[in-house]
Amino acid sequence: MLGDFQCAYDRVGEGADLTLLHSVGLSTREGWRYQIPALAKHFRVLSFDFRGLGQSEQGLRPSRVDTFVHDLENLLAELKISQTVVMGISLGGFVAQAFALQRSEAVSALVLVSTTCGHLAMNAPSRNDRISRVRKLGMAAAADQQLEKQFAPEFAATHPDVIEWYKGHYLANDPLVYADVLEDLGRVSFCDRLHEIRCPTLIVAGDSDKSVVAGQGPLDSPTKLKNLIADSNLAIIPDAKHYPQIDHADVFNAVVLDFLRRKVKPKLC
């Protein structure tokens, strides 16, 4: 138990600590399935499911960013992790930003993947429409649109097993929890505070990401993050969409590992 809920997590590897935070669309730590083996060769990798998502129980608190930050803080304390690299994608990127702003001393480096500091007002109608449909009709109401938006047709055609795996996890979401998280994300913004982040930061984005977190264009949000976080690094992965860690896993791993090897000091025994 972690406070009021049963938290599902894994911790593998040896070295400096690295914590992975997942998206809401995939809603499971398995979204990092292509990264954990590579990262665990160099780091002690912690992955966990946010409450109400994946295999973690809902508990008593609402599923929203500030709750996930609270849970992350408690999990790190339970595991006696005083400092960690934090890498988050999409929803996980919001949680990573919030945690870095709240507990700067606990973050040795930050990796923000396919995320933004705040959703644009122009995207509210489409987000609200998705929330309404999912609440009324369940996850299947948004599944096909999600697949078309997040994966290129060429990738889907050559990786049918990945598409089926993703679709299965997407449909397994509790639609009410999923909708609550999306609604909360529409209210969250860290844009005015990102200048406070001082740890080494890498921003990763696919140049073909057309999800709502991309902003007005595929590279709008990552460019904004780069401009707001002092001395941050921006890595653009060609032809990647919202999940570069899936559709371009080898390139993604190389980019992240290169950054972390240069910026994170080895953990001393």
C-alpha atoms as a PDB file:
ATOM      1  CA  MET A   1       0.000   0.000   0.000  1.00  0.00           C
ATOM      2  CA  LEU A   2       1.089   3.561  -0.719  1.00  0.00           C
ATOM      3  CA  GLY A   3      -1.036   5.717   1.534  1.00  0.00           C
ATOM      4  CA  ASP A   4      -4.652   5.024   0.560  1.00  0.00           C
ATOM      5  CA  PHE A   5      -4.087   2.858  -2.536  1.00  0.00           C
ATOM      6  CA  GLN A   6      -2.244  -0.180  -3.840  1.00  0.00           C
ATOM      7  CA  CYS A   7       0.472   1.151  -6.154  1.00  0.00           C
ATOM      8  CA  ALA A   8       1.854  -1.074  -8.919  1.00  0.00           C
ATOM      9  CA  TYR A   9       5.543  -0.455  -9.581  1.00  0.00           C
ATOM     10  CA  ASP A  10       8.767  -2.080 -10.774  1.00  0.00           C
ATOM     11  CA  ARG A  11      12.369  -1.231  -9.972  1.00  0.00           C
ATOM     12  CA  VAL A  12      15.212  -2.777 -11.966  1.00  0.00           C
ATOM     13  CA  GLY A  13      18.867  -2.140 -12.778  1.00  0.00           C
ATOM     14  CA  GLU A  14      21.780  -0.599 -10.910  1.00  0.00           C
ATOM     15  CA  GLY A  15      23.201   2.906 -10.809  1.00  0.00           C
ATOM     16  CA  ALA A  16      21.808   6.386 -10.299  1.00  0.00           C
ATOM     17  CA  ASP A  17      18.043   6.446  -9.831  1.00  0.00           C
ATOM     18  CA  LEU A  18      15.750   7.175 -12.780  1.00  0.00           C
ATOM     19  CA  THR A  19      11.961   7.435 -12.489  1.00  0.00           C
ATOM     20  CA  LEU A  20       9.615   6.984 -15.468  1.00  0.00           C
ATOM     21  CA  LEU A  21       6.183   8.641 -15.644  1.00  0.00           C
ATOM     22  CA  HIS A  22       3.643   7.450 -18.204  1.00  0.00           C
ATOM     23  CA  SER A  23       0.974   9.002 -20.423  1.00  0.00           C
ATOM     24  CA  VAL A  24      -2.780   8.855 -19.928  1.00  0.00           C
ATOM     25  CA  GLY A  25      -3.458   7.345 -23.357  1.00  0.00           C
ATOM     26  CA  LEU A  26      -1.331   4.288 -22.664  1.00  0.00           C
ATOM     27  CA  SER A  27      -2.001   4.491 -18.942  1.00  0.00           C
ATOM     28  CA  THR A  28       0.623   1.988 -17.874  1.00  0.00           C
ATOM     29  CA  ARG A  29       4.312   1.836 -17.087  1.00  0.00           C
ATOM     30  CA  GLU A  30       4.505  -0.664 -19.949  1.00  0.00           C
ATOM     31  CA  GLY A  31       4.608   2.379 -22.231  1.00  0.00           C
ATOM     32  CA  TRP A  32       8.331   2.379 -21.468  1.00  0.00           C
ATOM     33  CA  ARG A  33       8.757  -1.289 -22.444  1.00  0.00           C
ATOM     34  CA  TYR A  34      11.380  -0.451 -25.097  1.00  0.00           C
ATOM     35  CA  GLN A  35      13.360   1.819 -22.777  1.00  0.00           C
ATOM     36  CA  ILE A  36      13.592  -0.048 -19.481  1.00  0.00           C
ATOM     37  CA  PRO A  37      16.036  -2.781 -20.634  1.00  0.00           C
ATOM     38  CA  ALA A  38      18.368  -0.189 -22.191  1.00  0.00           C
ATOM     39  CA  LEU A  39      18.147   2.247 -19.284  1.00  0.00           C
ATOM     40  CA  ALA A  40      18.557  -0.467 -16.633  1.00  0.00           C
ATOM     41  CA  LYS A  41      22.069  -1.146 -17.922  1.00  0.00           C
ATOM     42  CA  HIS A  42      23.091   2.255 -16.575  1.00  0.00           C
ATOM     43  CA  PHE A  43      20.451   3.274 -14.005  1.00  0.00           C
ATOM     44  CA  ARG A  44      18.194   1.895 -11.325  1.00  0.00           C
ATOM     45  CA  VAL A  45      14.879   2.378 -13.097  1.00  0.00           C
ATOM     46  CA  LEU A  46      11.612   2.941 -11.251  1.00  0.00           C
ATOM     47  CA  SER A  47       8.332   2.743 -13.186  1.00  0.00           C
ATOM     48  CA  PHE A  48       4.891   2.891 -11.624  1.00  0.00           C
ATOM     49  CA  ASP A  49       1.268   3.295 -12.630  1.00  0.00           C
ATOM     50  CA  PHE A  50      -0.524   6.442 -11.512  1.00  0.00           C
ATOM     51  CA  ARG A  51      -3.492   5.756  -9.266  1.00  0.00           C
ATOM     52  CA  GLY A  52      -6.592   4.708 -11.174  1.00  0.00           C
ATOM     53  CA  LEU A  53      -4.517   3.933 -14.272  1.00  0.00           C
ATOM     54  CA  GLY A  54      -2.807   0.744 -15.360  1.00  0.00           C
ATOM     55  CA  GLN A  55      -2.617  -1.729 -12.485  1.00  0.00           C
ATOM     56  CA  SER A  56      -2.712   0.769  -9.601  1.00  0.00           C
ATOM     57  CA  GLU A  57      -5.855   1.120  -7.533  1.00  0.00           C
ATOM     58  CA  GLN A  58      -7.829   4.359  -7.465  1.00  0.00           C
ATOM     59  CA  GLY A  59      -7.798   4.903  -3.722  1.00  0.00           C
ATOM     60  CA  LEU A  60      -9.573   7.856  -2.144  1.00  0.00           C
ATOM     61  CA  ARG A  61      -7.904  10.808  -3.841  1.00  0.00           C
ATOM     62  CA  PRO A  62      -8.892  12.105  -7.311  1.00  0.00           C
ATOM     63  CA  SER A  63      -6.761  11.181 -10.332  1.00  0.00           C
ATOM     64  CA  ARG A  64      -5.147  14.486 -11.236  1.00  0.00           C
ATOM     65  CA  VAL A  65      -1.682  15.983 -11.560  1.00  0.00           C
ATOM     66  CA  ASP A  66      -1.317  17.276  -8.004  1.00  0.00           C
ATOM     67  CA  THR A  67      -2.360  13.869  -6.642  1.00  0.00           C
ATOM     68  CA  PHE A  68       0.159  12.081  -8.868  1.00  0.00           C
ATOM     69  CA  VAL A  69       2.900  14.413  -7.615  1.00  0.00           C
ATOM     70  CA  HIS A  70       1.892  13.634  -4.029  1.00  0.00           C
ATOM     71  CA  ASP A  71       2.010   9.898  -4.778  1.00  0.00           C
ATOM     72  CA  LEU A  72       5.400  10.197  -6.487  1.00  0.00           C
ATOM     73  CA  GLU A  73       6.769  11.987  -3.447  1.00  0.00           C
ATOM     74  CA  ASN A  74       5.436   9.257  -1.153  1.00  0.00           C
ATOM     75  CA  LEU A  75       6.751   6.429  -3.347  1.00  0.00           C
ATOM     76  CA  LEU A  76      10.252   7.903  -3.485  1.00  0.00           C
ATOM     77  CA  ALA A  77      10.217   8.315   0.298  1.00  0.00           C
ATOM     78  CA  GLU A  78       9.009   4.718   0.755  1.00  0.00           C
ATOM     79  CA  LEU A  79      11.866   3.465  -1.448  1.00  0.00           C
ATOM     80  CA  LYS A  80      14.369   5.812   0.240  1.00  0.00           C
ATOM     81  CA  ILE A  81      15.196   7.578  -3.028  1.00  0.00           C
ATOM     82  CA  SER A  82      16.484  11.053  -2.208  1.00  0.00           C
ATOM     83  CA  GLN A  83      17.349  12.128  -5.750  1.00  0.00           C
ATOM     84  CA  THR A  84      16.365  10.818  -9.178  1.00  0.00           C
ATOM     85  CA  VAL A  85      16.271  11.578 -12.860  1.00  0.00           C
ATOM     86  CA  VAL A  86      12.617  12.110 -13.783  1.00  0.00           C
ATOM     87  CA  MET A  87      11.418  11.297 -17.315  1.00  0.00           C
ATOM     88  CA  GLY A  88       7.773  11.831 -18.189  1.00  0.00           C
ATOM     89  CA  ILE A  89       5.786  11.635 -21.390  1.00  0.00           C
ATOM     90  CA  SER A  90       2.594  13.592 -22.116  1.00  0.00           C
ATOM     91  CA  LEU A  91       0.629  13.433 -18.813  1.00  0.00           C
ATOM     92  CA  GLY A  92       3.848  12.205 -17.204  1.00  0.00           C
ATOM     93  CA  GLY A  93       5.566  15.325 -18.506  1.00  0.00           C
ATOM     94  CA  PHE A  94       3.090  17.494 -16.602  1.00  0.00           C
ATOM     95  CA  VAL A  95       3.733  15.488 -13.436  1.00  0.00           C
ATOM     96  CA  ALA A  96       7.492  15.730 -13.995  1.00  0.00           C
ATOM     97  CA  GLN A  97       7.337  19.524 -14.348  1.00  0.00           C
ATOM     98  CA  ALA A  98       5.187  19.863 -11.232  1.00  0.00           C
ATOM     99  CA  PHE A  99       7.485  17.618  -9.215  1.00  0.00           C
ATOM    100  CA  ALA A 100      10.627  19.462 -10.388  1.00  0.00           C
ATOM    101  CA  LEU A 101       9.068  22.782  -9.358  1.00  0.00           C
ATOM    102  CA  GLN A 102       7.914  21.440  -5.998  1.00  0.00           C
ATOM    103  CA  ARG A 103      10.938  19.294  -5.107  1.00  0.00           C
ATOM    104  CA  SER A 104      13.851  20.706  -7.079  1.00  0.00           C
ATOM    105  CA  GLU A 105      16.420  19.175  -4.719  1.00  0.00           C
ATOM    106  CA  ALA A 106      15.104  15.688  -5.518  1.00  0.00           C
ATOM    107  CA  VAL A 107      15.551  15.959  -9.309  1.00  0.00           C
ATOM    108  CA  SER A 108      19.036  15.315 -10.712  1.00  0.00           C
ATOM    109  CA  ALA A 109      17.869  15.738 -14.321  1.00  0.00           C
ATOM    110  CA  LEU A 110      14.606  16.128 -16.197  1.00  0.00           C
ATOM    111  CA  VAL A 111      13.483  14.584 -19.494  1.00  0.00           C
ATOM    112  CA  LEU A 112      10.203  15.903 -20.922  1.00  0.00           C
ATOM    113  CA  VAL A 113       8.765  13.888 -23.808  1.00  0.00           C
ATOM    114  CA  SER A 114       5.847  14.882 -26.052  1.00  0.00           C
ATOM    115  CA  THR A 115       4.429  17.302 -23.525  1.00  0.00           C
ATOM    116  CA  THR A 116       3.678  20.959 -22.907  1.00  0.00           C
ATOM    117  CA  CYS A 117       3.549  23.393 -20.004  1.00  0.00           C
ATOM    118  CA  GLY A 118      -0.153  24.138 -20.556  1.00  0.00           C
ATOM    119  CA  HIS A 119      -2.855  23.272 -23.077  1.00  0.00           C
ATOM    120  CA  LEU A 120      -3.970  25.973 -25.487  1.00  0.00           C
ATOM    121  CA  ALA A 121      -7.482  27.376 -25.130  1.00  0.00           C
ATOM    122  CA  MET A 122      -8.052  26.682 -28.829  1.00  0.00           C
ATOM    123  CA  ASN A 123      -7.882  22.934 -28.142  1.00  0.00           C
ATOM    124  CA  ALA A 124     -10.516  22.988 -25.395  1.00  0.00           C
ATOM    125  CA  PRO A 125     -13.520  22.196 -27.656  1.00  0.00           C
ATOM    126  CA  SER A 126     -11.978  19.017 -29.094  1.00  0.00           C
ATOM    127  CA  ARG A 127     -10.753  17.910 -25.662  1.00  0.00           C
ATOM    128  CA  ASN A 128     -14.149  18.534 -24.102  1.00  0.00           C
ATOM    129  CA  ASP A 129     -15.846  16.628 -26.919  1.00  0.00           C
ATOM    130  CA  ARG A 130     -13.577  13.627 -26.273  1.00  0.00           C
ATOM    131  CA  ILE A 131     -14.243  13.798 -22.533  1.00  0.00           C
ATOM    132  CA  SER A 132     -17.995  13.857 -23.136  1.00  0.00           C
ATOM    133  CA  ARG A 133     -17.952  10.936 -25.566  1.00  0.00           C
ATOM    134  CA  VAL A 134     -15.745   8.788 -23.341  1.00  0.00           C
ATOM    135  CA  ARG A 135     -17.904   9.429 -20.277  1.00  0.00           C
ATOM    136  CA  LYS A 136     -21.071   8.518 -22.182  1.00  0.00           C
ATOM    137  CA  LEU A 137     -19.866   5.722 -24.444  1.00  0.00           C
ATOM    138  CA  GLY A 138     -16.665   4.359 -22.916  1.00  0.00           C
ATOM    139  CA  MET A 139     -13.109   4.139 -24.218  1.00  0.00           C
ATOM    140  CA  ALA A 140     -14.131   2.577 -27.547  1.00  0.00           C
ATOM    141  CA  ALA A 141     -15.662   5.916 -28.532  1.00  0.00           C
ATOM    142  CA  ALA A 142     -12.177   7.423 -28.891  1.00  0.00           C
ATOM    143  CA  ALA A 143      -9.996   4.397 -29.683  1.00  0.00           C
ATOM    144  CA  ASP A 144      -9.924   4.569 -33.493  1.00  0.00           C
ATOM    145  CA  GLN A 145      -9.276   8.304 -33.508  1.00  0.00           C
ATOM    146  CA  GLN A 146      -6.518   7.802 -30.953  1.00  0.00           C
ATOM    147  CA  LEU A 147      -4.785   5.166 -33.049  1.00  0.00           C
ATOM    148  CA  GLU A 148      -4.960   7.263 -36.223  1.00  0.00           C
ATOM    149  CA  LYS A 149      -3.561  10.330 -34.474  1.00  0.00           C
ATOM    150  CA  GLN A 150      -0.766   8.686 -32.493  1.00  0.00           C
ATOM    151  CA  PHE A 151       0.708   6.285 -35.054  1.00  0.00           C
ATOM    152  CA  ALA A 152       1.631   6.844 -38.694  1.00  0.00           C
ATOM    153  CA  PRO A 153      -0.144   4.551 -41.208  1.00  0.00           C
ATOM    154  CA  GLU A 154       3.215   3.136 -42.312  1.00  0.00           C
ATOM    155  CA  PHE A 155       4.140   2.221 -38.734  1.00  0.00           C
ATOM    156  CA  ALA A 156       0.720   0.704 -38.088  1.00  0.00           C
ATOM    157  CA  ALA A 157       0.966  -1.401 -41.245  1.00  0.00           C
ATOM    158  CA  THR A 158       4.399  -2.802 -40.388  1.00  0.00           C
ATOM    159  CA  HIS A 159       3.847  -3.175 -36.625  1.00  0.00           C
ATOM    160  CA  PRO A 160       0.336  -4.645 -36.203  1.00  0.00           C
ATOM    161  CA  ASP A 161       1.370  -6.345 -32.962  1.00  0.00           C
ATOM    162  CA  VAL A 162       2.325  -2.994 -31.417  1.00  0.00           C
ATOM    163  CA  ILE A 163      -0.955  -1.443 -32.515  1.00  0.00           C
ATOM    164  CA  GLU A 164      -2.968  -4.294 -30.992  1.00  0.00           C
ATOM    165  CA  TRP A 165      -0.954  -4.068 -27.765  1.00  0.00           C
ATOM    166  CA  TYR A 166      -1.529  -0.323 -27.546  1.00  0.00           C
ATOM    167  CA  LYS A 167      -5.234  -0.602 -28.375  1.00  0.00           C
ATOM    168  CA  GLY A 168      -5.710  -3.240 -25.708  1.00  0.00           C
ATOM    169  CA  HIS A 169      -4.178  -1.033 -23.022  1.00  0.00           C
ATOM    170  CA  TYR A 170      -6.104   2.006 -24.223  1.00  0.00           C
ATOM    171  CA  LEU A 171      -9.439   0.207 -24.083  1.00  0.00           C
ATOM    172  CA  ALA A 172      -8.616  -1.145 -20.609  1.00  0.00           C
ATOM    173  CA  ASN A 173      -8.762   2.348 -19.112  1.00  0.00           C
ATOM    174  CA  ASP A 174     -11.560   3.228 -16.741  1.00  0.00           C
ATOM    175  CA  PRO A 175     -13.378   5.815 -18.890  1.00  0.00           C
ATOM    176  CA  LEU A 176     -14.367   7.976 -15.923  1.00  0.00           C
ATOM    177  CA  VAL A 177     -10.801   8.134 -14.592  1.00  0.00           C
ATOM    178  CA  TYR A 178      -9.475   8.835 -18.092  1.00  0.00           C
ATOM    179  CA  ALA A 179     -11.982  11.654 -18.553  1.00  0.00           C
ATOM    180  CA  ASP A 180     -11.183  13.123 -15.138  1.00  0.00           C
ATOM    181  CA  VAL A 181      -7.469  13.213 -15.961  1.00  0.00           C
ATOM    182  CA  LEU A 182      -8.071  14.913 -19.321  1.00  0.00           C
ATOM    183  CA  GLU A 183     -10.322  17.464 -17.655  1.00  0.00           C
ATOM    184  CA  ASP A 184      -7.669  18.230 -15.045  1.00  0.00           C
ATOM    185  CA  LEU A 185      -4.976  18.621 -17.709  1.00  0.00           C
ATOM    186  CA  GLY A 186      -7.061  21.349 -19.312  1.00  0.00           C
ATOM    187  CA  ARG A 187      -6.737  23.382 -16.113  1.00  0.00           C
ATOM    188  CA  VAL A 188      -3.029  22.819 -15.404  1.00  0.00           C
ATOM    189  CA  SER A 189      -0.308  25.234 -16.522  1.00  0.00           C
ATOM    190  CA  PHE A 190       3.309  25.663 -15.471  1.00  0.00           C
ATOM    191  CA  CYS A 191       4.344  28.057 -18.235  1.00  0.00           C
ATOM    192  CA  ASP A 192       4.831  31.021 -15.886  1.00  0.00           C
ATOM    193  CA  ARG A 193       7.088  29.036 -13.550  1.00  0.00           C
ATOM    194  CA  LEU A 194       9.387  27.048 -15.828  1.00  0.00           C
ATOM    195  CA  HIS A 195      12.155  29.644 -15.438  1.00  0.00           C
ATOM    196  CA  GLU A 196      12.538  28.238 -11.902  1.00  0.00           C
ATOM    197  CA  ILE A 197      13.785  24.879 -13.187  1.00  0.00           C
ATOM    198  CA  ARG A 198      17.582  24.720 -12.960  1.00  0.00           C
ATOM    199  CA  CYS A 199      18.401  21.019 -13.301  1.00  0.00           C
ATOM    200  CA  PRO A 200      19.755  19.614 -16.594  1.00  0.00           C
ATOM    201  CA  THR A 201      16.731  19.253 -18.869  1.00  0.00           C
ATOM    202  CA  LEU A 202      16.168  17.433 -22.149  1.00  0.00           C
ATOM    203  CA  ILE A 203      13.023  18.026 -24.194  1.00  0.00           C
ATOM    204  CA  VAL A 204      12.184  15.315 -26.745  1.00  0.00           C
ATOM    205  CA  ALA A 205       9.548  15.566 -29.459  1.00  0.00           C
ATOM    206  CA  GLY A 206       8.623  13.972 -32.741  1.00  0.00           C
ATOM    207  CA  ASP A 207       8.373  16.375 -35.657  1.00  0.00           C
ATOM    208  CA  SER A 208       5.134  14.666 -36.739  1.00  0.00           C
ATOM    209  CA  ASP A 209       3.314  14.874 -33.416  1.00  0.00           C
ATOM    210  CA  LYS A 210      -0.124  16.363 -34.062  1.00  0.00           C
ATOM    211  CA  SER A 211      -1.665  15.655 -30.657  1.00  0.00           C
ATOM    212  CA  VAL A 212      -3.099  18.455 -28.516  1.00  0.00           C
ATOM    213  CA  VAL A 213       0.125  18.709 -26.500  1.00  0.00           C
ATOM    214  CA  ALA A 214       2.043  19.674 -29.635  1.00  0.00           C
ATOM    215  CA  GLY A 215       0.477  23.151 -29.598  1.00  0.00           C
ATOM    216  CA  GLN A 216      -0.416  25.069 -32.737  1.00  0.00           C
ATOM    217  CA  GLY A 217       2.059  23.045 -34.765  1.00  0.00           C
ATOM    218  CA  PRO A 218       4.167  19.876 -34.334  1.00  0.00           C
ATOM    219  CA  LEU A 219       7.098  21.719 -32.713  1.00  0.00           C
ATOM    220  CA  ASP A 220       5.273  24.582 -31.019  1.00  0.00           C
ATOM    221  CA  SER A 221       5.194  23.143 -27.489  1.00  0.00           C
ATOM    222  CA  PRO A 222       8.716  21.678 -27.360  1.00  0.00           C
ATOM    223  CA  THR A 223      10.144  24.938 -28.692  1.00  0.00           C
ATOM    224  CA  LYS A 224       8.243  26.856 -26.030  1.00  0.00           C
ATOM    225  CA  LEU A 225       9.552  24.545 -23.314  1.00  0.00           C
ATOM    226  CA  LYS A 226      13.086  25.010 -24.628  1.00  0.00           C
ATOM    227  CA  ASN A 227      12.732  28.788 -24.478  1.00  0.00           C
ATOM    228  CA  LEU A 228      11.261  28.774 -20.968  1.00  0.00           C
ATOM    229  CA  ILE A 229      13.694  26.371 -19.271  1.00  0.00           C
ATOM    230  CA  ALA A 230      17.171  27.856 -18.981  1.00  0.00           C
ATOM    231  CA  ASP A 231      19.992  25.935 -20.683  1.00  0.00           C
ATOM    232  CA  SER A 232      17.675  23.097 -21.669  1.00  0.00           C
ATOM    233  CA  ASN A 233      18.344  20.821 -24.628  1.00  0.00           C
ATOM    234  CA  LEU A 234      15.866  20.067 -27.409  1.00  0.00           C
ATOM    235  CA  ALA A 235      15.978  16.827 -29.405  1.00  0.00           C
ATOM    236  CA  ILE A 236      13.682  16.465 -32.408  1.00  0.00           C
ATOM    237  CA  ILE A 237      13.143  12.945 -33.725  1.00  0.00           C
ATOM    238  CA  PRO A 238      12.307  12.965 -37.458  1.00  0.00           C
ATOM    239  CA  ASP A 239       9.060  11.280 -38.524  1.00  0.00           C
ATOM    240  CA  ALA A 240       8.140  10.390 -34.923  1.00  0.00           C
ATOM    241  CA  LYS A 241       4.649  11.114 -33.635  1.00  0.00           C
ATOM    242  CA  HIS A 242       3.330  11.380 -30.067  1.00  0.00           C
ATOM    243  CA  TYR A 243       5.103   8.254 -28.841  1.00  0.00           C
ATOM    244  CA  PRO A 244       8.695   8.509 -30.122  1.00  0.00           C
ATOM    245  CA  GLN A 245       9.759   5.982 -27.487  1.00  0.00           C
ATOM    246  CA  ILE A 246       7.603   3.458 -29.344  1.00  0.00           C
ATOM    247  CA  ASP A 247       7.704   4.320 -33.051  1.00  0.00           C
ATOM    248  CA  HIS A 248      11.401   5.295 -33.016  1.00  0.00           C
ATOM    249  CA  ALA A 249      12.604   3.428 -29.938  1.00  0.00           C
ATOM    250  CA  ASP A 250      16.256   2.957 -30.920  1.00  0.00           C
ATOM    251  CA  VAL A 251      16.762   6.611 -31.850  1.00  0.00           C
ATOM    252  CA  PHE A 252      14.917   7.738 -28.737  1.00  0.00           C
ATOM    253  CA  ASN A 253      17.035   5.536 -26.481  1.00  0.00           C
ATOM    254  CA  ALA A 254      20.264   6.784 -28.018  1.00  0.00           C
ATOM    255  CA  VAL A 255      19.250  10.435 -27.594  1.00  0.00           C
ATOM    256  CA  VAL A 256      18.190  10.014 -23.964  1.00  0.00           C
ATOM    257  CA  LEU A 257      21.172   7.905 -22.932  1.00  0.00           C
ATOM    258  CA  ASP A 258      23.618  10.316 -24.538  1.00  0.00           C
ATOM    259  CA  PHE A 259      22.097  13.202 -22.568  1.00  0.00           C
ATOM    260  CA  LEU A 260      21.962  11.316 -19.272  1.00  0.00           C
ATOM    261  CA  ARG A 261      25.513  10.003 -19.530  1.00  0.00           C
ATOM    262  CA  ARG A 262      26.748  13.571 -19.949  1.00  0.00           C
ATOM    263  CA  LYS A 263      24.547  15.184 -17.312  1.00  0.00           C
ATOM    264  CA  VAL A 264      24.031  12.663 -14.502  1.00  0.00           C
ATOM    265  CA  LYS A 265      26.834  11.714 -12.143  1.00  0.00           C
ATOM    266  CA  PRO A 266      27.220   7.986 -11.398  1.00  0.00           C
ATOM    267  CA  LYS A 267      25.778   6.899  -8.065  1.00  0.00           C
ATOM    268  CA  LEU A 268      28.516   6.215  -5.505  1.00  0.00           C
ATOM    269  CA  CYS A 269      28.289   3.197  -3.202  1.00  0.00           C
END
